[in-house]
Amino acid sequence: MRTGLAAGLVAALICWTMCSGACTAAELTGRAAYLMDPYSGRVFLEKASDEPVPVASISKLMTLVLILEAVERGELALTDLVTASPFAASKRGSRIWLEAGEQLPLGELVYAIAVGSANDAAVAVAEYMAGSEAAFVELMNRRAQELGLTASRFVNCTGLPEENGECNLMSAKDAALLARHALTVPRLMEYVSTYEYTMRADTTKIPVLWNANKLLRRYYGVDGMKTGFTTEAGYCLIATAERDNLRLIAVTLGHQTEEERESAARTLLDYGFRKYQSLQLYPEGTAVSALDCPTGDPRLANVVVPADFYVTVERGTEVDFSVVIKLDKDLRPPIDKGEAVGTITVLYADEVLGSSVLTVAEDVRKVSFPALIGRLAQALAEAVF
């Protein structure tokens, strides 16, 4: 159905001459790149985005996802004490200098992984969670399949190259999709947005970790996610930033220097923020439809957007869009207030500008049998007359 709000939104669009906003895939540096809006799924720029390439410590984002999802399910607690094995303590590269037998709280080790990209911490937690790093890697690959990461393959939880030369592989598109999911994982953004963290704060205070994602301090709006570097992968980065309710995910892989990596991420983010804007279509709680429950009380329940609903549009462009609402036809009472009952999708031609779940605005209880008989009798009487 067409929405009458289109004209209002068009009037609200800011005309902006994009003199400095032009950018094409051919101009992007690095081996692969991807720029997307995680809320609508719109892709703004991409370069060699389906090619599986080494991603180094970018793969630790999957490690963090698995850990924090387990915490959310109650299978792990951030206060759990994790004991470092000799194997974990032997890991080279970025590390927090774990000693075999040393115990640290899981929450502290998560900071070590997210901020310091510590390989020894990643292996210690992987072993604690799954029994061995190999078993944890199986979980990584299984979760990748569940999330639709079709060009990803993990051989370890760190991103370090194996002795036989094997590496963790992801495409730029998969890295962006993983980041999109990571935004929804409770607590994850708290960790990846941290710029400085002191390990062993109650004892040695060593080491002090500094996030390699310098954009956290250098680019307005950046609040995550993960960097990576090995000789095989080059310098890699997933960055996410939000300005004026527009969030972007930028992935840039395979750079020769750290400076080139940062410049490429800036180019992607600059392009997105200059060319696009996020506009509010419906405030939180706006009723956009009604759920008909013949056996429910009430019979008709308002269906609302559970949060402020935004669409992403190109600046200075008139947008004549359509709104598609789909409600679950198989729902039966009781239905609790806030329960998801459908979806809303805003389309421009075949392109999705925004989407959200829809929830019911009130409790819908099963109507009593006498009341149901009365309702049926009234419906018959209305049909006759």
Protein backbone atom coordinates (compact mmCIF):
# COMPACT_ATOMS: atom_id res chain seq x y z
CA MET A 1 0.00 0.00 0.00
CA ARG A 2 1.12 3.56 -0.65
CA THR A 3 1.72 5.82 2.31
CA GLY A 4 0.58 9.40 2.54
CA LEU A 5 3.72 10.25 4.45
CA ALA A 6 5.80 10.12 1.28
CA ALA A 7 5.08 13.72 0.37
CA GLY A 8 6.02 14.87 3.86
CA LEU A 9 9.28 13.01 3.75
CA VAL A 10 10.11 14.33 0.31
CA ALA A 11 9.53 17.84 1.57
CA ALA A 12 11.88 17.17 4.44
CA LEU A 13 14.72 16.01 2.22
CA ILE A 14 17.75 18.27 2.20
CA CYS A 15 18.98 19.25 -1.24
CA TRP A 16 22.71 18.69 -1.28
CA THR A 17 25.03 18.98 -4.28
CA MET A 18 27.34 16.01 -4.08
CA CYS A 19 30.50 17.64 -5.43
CA SER A 20 32.81 15.80 -3.08
CA GLY A 21 30.69 12.73 -2.40
CA ALA A 22 31.27 10.84 -5.62
CA CYS A 23 32.98 7.50 -5.26
CA THR A 24 33.10 4.34 -7.32
CA ALA A 25 34.29 0.82 -6.62
CA ALA A 26 37.20 1.33 -9.02
CA GLU A 27 38.49 4.14 -6.82
CA LEU A 28 38.51 2.06 -3.64
CA THR A 29 41.91 0.89 -2.44
CA GLY A 30 42.66 -2.46 -0.89
CA ARG A 31 41.76 -5.94 -1.96
CA ALA A 32 38.03 -5.82 -1.13
CA ALA A 33 35.51 -3.39 0.33
CA TYR A 34 31.86 -3.14 1.37
CA LEU A 35 29.65 -0.32 2.66
CA MET A 36 26.15 -0.99 3.95
CA ASP A 37 23.33 0.25 6.14
CA PRO A 38 22.85 -2.58 8.65
CA TYR A 39 19.25 -1.68 9.51
CA SER A 40 17.83 -1.80 5.98
CA GLY A 41 20.52 -4.00 4.50
CA ARG A 42 21.12 -1.51 1.68
CA VAL A 43 24.53 -1.83 0.03
CA PHE A 44 26.04 1.46 -1.08
CA LEU A 45 29.48 0.43 -2.35
CA GLU A 46 31.32 -2.83 -2.89
CA LYS A 47 34.51 -4.09 -4.43
CA ALA A 48 35.38 -7.78 -4.92
CA SER A 49 32.96 -8.30 -2.04
CA ASP A 50 32.25 -12.01 -2.62
CA GLU A 51 35.88 -13.15 -2.80
CA PRO A 52 37.11 -15.16 0.23
CA VAL A 53 40.36 -13.60 1.46
CA PRO A 54 42.50 -13.89 4.61
CA VAL A 55 41.13 -11.57 7.29
CA ALA A 56 43.53 -12.06 10.23
CA SER A 57 42.01 -10.87 13.53
CA ILE A 58 38.81 -9.71 11.87
CA SER A 59 37.81 -13.31 12.54
CA LYS A 60 37.94 -12.61 16.29
CA LEU A 61 34.61 -10.85 15.84
CA MET A 62 33.06 -14.30 15.39
CA THR A 63 34.93 -15.43 18.51
CA LEU A 64 33.38 -12.53 20.45
CA VAL A 65 29.92 -13.24 19.04
CA LEU A 66 30.03 -16.87 20.18
CA ILE A 67 31.28 -15.97 23.66
CA LEU A 68 28.74 -13.24 24.32
CA GLU A 69 25.86 -15.22 22.85
CA ALA A 70 26.75 -17.99 25.31
CA VAL A 71 26.78 -15.41 28.12
CA GLU A 72 23.35 -14.18 27.04
CA ARG A 73 22.01 -17.76 27.09
CA GLY A 74 23.35 -18.22 30.61
CA GLU A 75 25.86 -20.89 29.59
CA LEU A 76 28.79 -18.68 30.64
CA ALA A 77 29.14 -15.85 33.12
CA LEU A 78 31.50 -12.91 32.82
CA THR A 79 32.66 -13.64 36.37
CA ASP A 80 33.77 -17.18 35.47
CA LEU A 81 37.46 -17.81 36.13
CA VAL A 82 39.23 -19.07 33.00
CA THR A 83 42.47 -21.02 33.41
CA ALA A 84 45.10 -20.60 30.71
CA SER A 85 46.46 -23.83 29.29
CA PRO A 86 50.09 -24.20 28.17
CA PHE A 87 48.80 -24.15 24.59
CA ALA A 88 46.93 -20.87 25.09
CA ALA A 89 49.92 -19.32 26.87
CA SER A 90 52.18 -20.25 23.94
CA LYS A 91 50.26 -18.18 21.37
CA ARG A 92 52.39 -15.62 19.56
CA GLY A 93 51.51 -12.23 18.10
CA SER A 94 49.22 -9.87 20.02
CA ARG A 95 48.85 -11.21 23.55
CA ILE A 96 48.45 -10.36 27.22
CA TRP A 97 51.29 -12.67 28.29
CA LEU A 98 49.16 -15.31 29.96
CA GLU A 99 51.08 -17.84 32.00
CA ALA A 100 50.06 -21.49 32.01
CA GLY A 101 47.73 -22.02 34.96
CA GLU A 102 46.93 -18.32 35.35
CA GLN A 103 43.28 -17.55 36.02
CA LEU A 104 41.45 -14.44 34.90
CA PRO A 105 37.73 -13.57 34.80
CA LEU A 106 36.01 -14.23 31.50
CA GLY A 107 34.93 -10.58 31.25
CA GLU A 108 38.53 -9.40 31.46
CA LEU A 109 39.60 -11.84 28.76
CA VAL A 110 36.79 -10.59 26.51
CA TYR A 111 38.27 -7.10 26.82
CA ALA A 112 41.67 -8.58 25.95
CA ILE A 113 40.20 -10.07 22.76
CA ALA A 114 38.14 -7.04 21.76
CA VAL A 115 40.61 -4.27 22.63
CA GLY A 116 44.02 -5.90 22.47
CA SER A 117 43.19 -8.62 19.93
CA ALA A 118 45.02 -11.00 22.28
CA ASN A 119 45.59 -14.42 20.73
CA ASP A 120 46.38 -16.14 24.04
CA ALA A 121 43.14 -14.81 25.56
CA ALA A 122 41.11 -15.96 22.55
CA VAL A 123 42.45 -19.51 22.78
CA ALA A 124 42.02 -19.65 26.56
CA VAL A 125 38.34 -18.69 26.28
CA ALA A 126 37.78 -20.98 23.29
CA GLU A 127 39.13 -23.93 25.30
CA TYR A 128 37.07 -22.96 28.34
CA MET A 129 33.87 -22.69 26.31
CA ALA A 130 34.17 -25.67 23.97
CA GLY A 131 36.85 -27.90 25.54
CA SER A 132 39.40 -27.30 22.81
CA GLU A 133 40.16 -24.72 20.15
CA ALA A 134 39.27 -27.27 17.46
CA ALA A 135 35.82 -27.77 18.97
CA PHE A 136 35.36 -24.01 19.21
CA VAL A 137 36.29 -23.63 15.53
CA GLU A 138 33.52 -26.09 14.69
CA LEU A 139 31.13 -23.75 16.51
CA MET A 140 32.50 -20.80 14.53
CA ASN A 141 31.90 -22.51 11.19
CA ARG A 142 28.45 -23.71 12.24
CA ARG A 143 27.44 -20.20 13.34
CA ALA A 144 28.78 -18.82 10.07
CA GLN A 145 26.44 -21.14 8.18
CA GLU A 146 23.51 -20.14 10.38
CA LEU A 147 24.19 -16.46 9.67
CA GLY A 148 24.43 -17.04 5.92
CA LEU A 149 28.16 -16.36 5.68
CA THR A 150 28.67 -18.45 2.59
CA ALA A 151 32.25 -17.36 1.81
CA SER A 152 33.71 -17.86 5.29
CA ARG A 153 35.89 -20.65 6.65
CA PHE A 154 37.61 -20.63 10.02
CA VAL A 155 40.58 -22.80 10.98
CA ASN A 156 41.27 -21.18 14.37
CA CYS A 157 39.82 -18.62 16.78
CA THR A 158 42.62 -16.05 16.40
CA GLY A 159 43.18 -15.33 12.72
CA LEU A 160 46.84 -16.35 12.85
CA PRO A 161 48.06 -18.38 9.86
CA GLU A 162 48.50 -22.07 10.62
CA GLU A 163 51.85 -23.80 10.19
CA ASN A 164 50.53 -25.48 7.04
CA GLY A 165 49.67 -22.07 5.58
CA GLU A 166 45.91 -22.25 6.09
CA CYS A 167 44.17 -19.02 7.11
CA ASN A 168 40.77 -17.89 8.23
CA LEU A 169 38.91 -16.68 5.14
CA MET A 170 35.99 -14.30 4.78
CA SER A 171 34.61 -12.14 2.04
CA ALA A 172 34.06 -8.43 2.60
CA LYS A 173 30.32 -9.06 2.33
CA ASP A 174 30.45 -11.80 4.97
CA ALA A 175 32.47 -9.57 7.27
CA ALA A 176 29.80 -6.87 6.96
CA LEU A 177 26.99 -9.35 7.58
CA LEU A 178 28.79 -10.65 10.66
CA ALA A 179 29.17 -7.08 11.91
CA ARG A 180 25.48 -6.49 11.22
CA HIS A 181 24.63 -9.42 13.47
CA ALA A 182 27.20 -8.37 16.06
CA LEU A 183 25.32 -5.09 16.54
CA THR A 184 22.44 -7.12 17.98
CA VAL A 185 24.53 -9.19 20.42
CA PRO A 186 24.13 -7.87 23.98
CA ARG A 187 27.27 -6.26 25.45
CA LEU A 188 29.36 -6.68 22.31
CA MET A 189 29.44 -3.01 21.36
CA GLU A 190 30.53 -2.13 24.89
CA TYR A 191 33.68 -4.17 24.36
CA VAL A 192 34.58 -3.22 20.78
CA SER A 193 34.03 0.49 21.45
CA THR A 194 36.59 0.50 24.28
CA TYR A 195 39.78 2.33 23.31
CA GLU A 196 41.97 1.63 26.36
CA TYR A 197 41.87 -1.15 28.91
CA THR A 198 44.21 -2.10 31.76
CA MET A 199 44.66 -5.82 32.34
CA ARG A 200 45.19 -7.25 35.83
CA ALA A 201 44.04 -3.94 37.31
CA ASP A 202 44.13 -5.31 40.88
CA THR A 203 47.70 -6.62 40.64
CA THR A 204 50.37 -5.81 38.06
CA LYS A 205 48.28 -3.52 35.83
CA ILE A 206 50.12 -5.08 32.88
CA PRO A 207 49.59 -4.72 30.01
CA VAL A 208 47.65 -1.59 29.12
CA LEU A 209 45.78 -2.37 25.91
CA TRP A 210 45.12 0.13 23.14
CA ASN A 211 42.55 -0.52 20.44
CA ALA A 212 44.09 -0.68 16.98
CA ASN A 213 40.90 0.87 15.59
CA LYS A 214 42.20 4.45 15.76
CA LEU A 215 39.00 5.71 14.18
CA LEU A 216 37.38 5.36 17.60
CA ARG A 217 39.22 8.56 18.49
CA ARG A 218 39.70 10.08 15.06
CA TYR A 219 36.36 9.81 13.27
CA TYR A 220 33.12 11.24 14.63
CA GLY A 221 30.51 8.54 15.16
CA VAL A 222 32.75 5.46 15.02
CA ASP A 223 32.03 3.07 17.91
CA GLY A 224 33.46 -0.28 16.71
CA MET A 225 34.33 -2.95 15.51
CA LYS A 226 37.56 -4.87 14.72
CA THR A 227 40.94 -4.60 13.03
CA GLY A 228 43.29 -7.28 11.75
CA PHE A 229 46.77 -7.71 10.34
CA THR A 230 48.98 -10.52 9.15
CA THR A 231 51.41 -10.66 6.25
CA GLU A 232 48.94 -12.84 4.35
CA ALA A 233 45.87 -10.67 5.02
CA GLY A 234 47.43 -7.21 5.01
CA TYR A 235 45.76 -4.52 7.10
CA CYS A 236 42.02 -5.08 7.50
CA LEU A 237 39.20 -3.24 9.25
CA ILE A 238 35.51 -3.44 10.00
CA ALA A 239 34.30 -0.04 11.18
CA THR A 240 30.82 0.99 12.20
CA ALA A 241 29.66 4.53 12.83
CA GLU A 242 26.39 6.32 13.53
CA ARG A 243 25.41 9.93 12.84
CA ASP A 244 21.91 11.41 13.02
CA ASN A 245 20.30 7.95 13.27
CA LEU A 246 22.13 6.69 10.18
CA ARG A 247 24.43 3.76 10.95
CA LEU A 248 26.98 2.46 8.48
CA ILE A 249 29.20 -0.60 8.37
CA ALA A 250 32.39 -0.22 6.34
CA VAL A 251 34.69 -3.15 5.53
CA THR A 252 38.05 -2.69 3.89
CA LEU A 253 40.51 -5.57 3.46
CA GLY A 254 44.02 -6.21 2.22
CA HIS A 255 45.91 -2.93 2.63
CA GLN A 256 49.68 -2.47 2.62
CA THR A 257 49.83 -0.05 5.53
CA GLU A 258 47.82 0.94 8.58
CA GLU A 259 47.49 4.46 7.20
CA GLU A 260 46.08 3.19 3.92
CA ARG A 261 43.57 1.06 5.82
CA GLU A 262 42.34 4.04 7.84
CA SER A 263 42.14 6.26 4.77
CA ALA A 264 40.07 3.65 2.92
CA ALA A 265 37.64 3.32 5.84
CA ARG A 266 37.29 7.10 5.98
CA THR A 267 36.55 7.20 2.25
CA LEU A 268 33.76 4.66 2.65
CA LEU A 269 32.20 6.31 5.68
CA ASP A 270 32.50 9.80 4.20
CA TYR A 271 30.72 8.63 1.09
CA GLY A 272 27.87 7.08 3.06
CA PHE A 273 27.28 10.03 5.36
CA ARG A 274 27.53 12.59 2.57
CA LYS A 275 25.21 10.84 0.17
CA TYR A 276 22.56 9.31 2.45
CA GLN A 277 20.41 10.33 5.37
CA SER A 278 18.06 8.60 7.76
CA LEU A 279 14.52 9.95 8.07
CA GLN A 280 11.93 9.00 10.66
CA LEU A 281 8.86 7.44 9.10
CA TYR A 282 7.01 6.44 12.27
CA PRO A 283 7.67 7.32 15.93
CA GLU A 284 7.86 4.52 18.47
CA GLY A 285 4.44 3.06 19.26
CA THR A 286 2.71 4.27 16.08
CA ALA A 287 -0.16 1.98 15.10
CA VAL A 288 0.24 0.94 11.46
CA SER A 289 -2.29 -1.88 11.27
CA ALA A 290 -4.68 -4.00 13.32
CA LEU A 291 -4.63 -7.70 14.13
CA ASP A 292 -7.97 -9.44 13.72
CA CYS A 293 -8.38 -12.19 16.33
CA PRO A 294 -11.82 -13.85 16.00
CA THR A 295 -11.26 -15.78 19.23
CA GLY A 296 -9.39 -13.02 21.01
CA ASP A 297 -10.27 -10.33 23.53
CA PRO A 298 -10.09 -7.70 22.15
CA ARG A 299 -11.17 -8.83 18.71
CA LEU A 300 -9.05 -6.12 17.03
CA ALA A 301 -5.62 -5.24 18.50
CA ASN A 302 -3.42 -2.40 17.35
CA VAL A 303 -0.16 -3.39 15.66
CA VAL A 304 2.66 -0.91 16.27
CA VAL A 305 6.31 -0.24 15.45
CA PRO A 306 8.23 -1.12 18.66
CA ALA A 307 10.88 1.60 18.16
CA ASP A 308 11.35 4.75 16.13
CA PHE A 309 11.28 3.59 12.52
CA TYR A 310 13.70 5.16 10.05
CA VAL A 311 14.29 4.80 6.34
CA THR A 312 17.57 5.52 4.57
CA VAL A 313 17.29 7.73 1.50
CA GLU A 314 19.66 9.52 -0.83
CA ARG A 315 20.03 13.19 -0.05
CA GLY A 316 18.32 15.58 -2.47
CA THR A 317 16.34 12.81 -4.15
CA GLU A 318 12.56 12.61 -4.27
CA VAL A 319 11.43 9.20 -3.05
CA ASP A 320 8.04 7.73 -3.92
CA PHE A 321 8.05 4.58 -1.83
CA SER A 322 5.64 1.84 -0.88
CA VAL A 323 5.01 0.35 2.55
CA VAL A 324 4.38 -3.38 2.78
CA ILE A 325 2.92 -4.77 6.01
CA LYS A 326 2.74 -8.52 6.56
CA LEU A 327 0.98 -9.98 9.60
CA ASP A 328 1.22 -13.56 10.80
CA LYS A 329 -2.05 -15.23 9.86
CA ASP A 330 -1.51 -18.24 12.12
CA LEU A 331 -1.43 -16.38 15.44
CA ARG A 332 -3.86 -17.54 18.11
CA PRO A 333 -4.49 -16.00 21.54
CA PRO A 334 -3.13 -15.60 24.08
CA ILE A 335 -0.78 -13.01 22.56
CA ASP A 336 1.29 -10.91 24.94
CA LYS A 337 1.78 -7.18 24.57
CA GLY A 338 5.05 -6.56 22.71
CA GLU A 339 5.02 -9.94 20.95
CA ALA A 340 6.15 -9.87 17.31
CA VAL A 341 3.19 -10.37 15.00
CA GLY A 342 4.51 -9.27 11.62
CA THR A 343 6.89 -7.06 9.65
CA ILE A 344 6.91 -3.71 7.92
CA THR A 345 9.10 -3.07 4.88
CA VAL A 346 9.56 0.17 2.97
CA LEU A 347 10.47 -0.25 -0.69
CA TYR A 348 11.66 2.07 -3.45
CA ALA A 349 11.09 0.03 -6.59
CA ASP A 350 12.64 -3.29 -5.47
CA GLU A 351 15.15 -1.74 -3.07
CA VAL A 352 14.56 -1.98 0.67
CA LEU A 353 14.82 1.42 2.38
CA GLY A 354 14.00 0.10 5.86
CA SER A 355 12.35 -2.77 7.67
CA SER A 356 11.23 -3.69 11.18
CA VAL A 357 9.27 -6.21 13.13
CA LEU A 358 5.78 -5.20 14.27
CA THR A 359 4.40 -5.92 17.72
CA VAL A 360 0.95 -6.02 19.28
CA ALA A 361 0.13 -3.00 21.46
CA GLU A 362 -1.90 -4.85 24.12
CA ASP A 363 -2.48 -8.26 25.59
CA VAL A 364 -4.90 -10.39 23.58
CA ARG A 365 -6.53 -13.06 25.72
CA LYS A 366 -8.62 -15.97 24.59
CA VAL A 367 -12.27 -15.03 24.73
CA SER A 368 -14.48 -17.10 27.03
CA PHE A 369 -16.78 -19.67 25.48
CA PRO A 370 -20.04 -17.78 26.35
CA ALA A 371 -18.58 -14.56 24.97
CA LEU A 372 -17.49 -16.39 21.82
CA ILE A 373 -21.03 -17.73 21.32
CA GLY A 374 -22.39 -14.23 21.78
CA ARG A 375 -19.91 -12.86 19.27
CA LEU A 376 -20.91 -15.49 16.71
CA ALA A 377 -24.60 -14.82 17.28
CA GLN A 378 -24.08 -11.11 16.75
CA ALA A 379 -22.14 -11.76 13.55
CA LEU A 380 -24.98 -13.96 12.24
CA ALA A 381 -27.59 -11.36 13.10
CA GLU A 382 -25.62 -8.65 11.30
CA ALA A 383 -25.26 -10.91 8.29
CA VAL A 384 -29.04 -11.53 8.16
CA PHE A 385 -30.05 -7.92 8.51
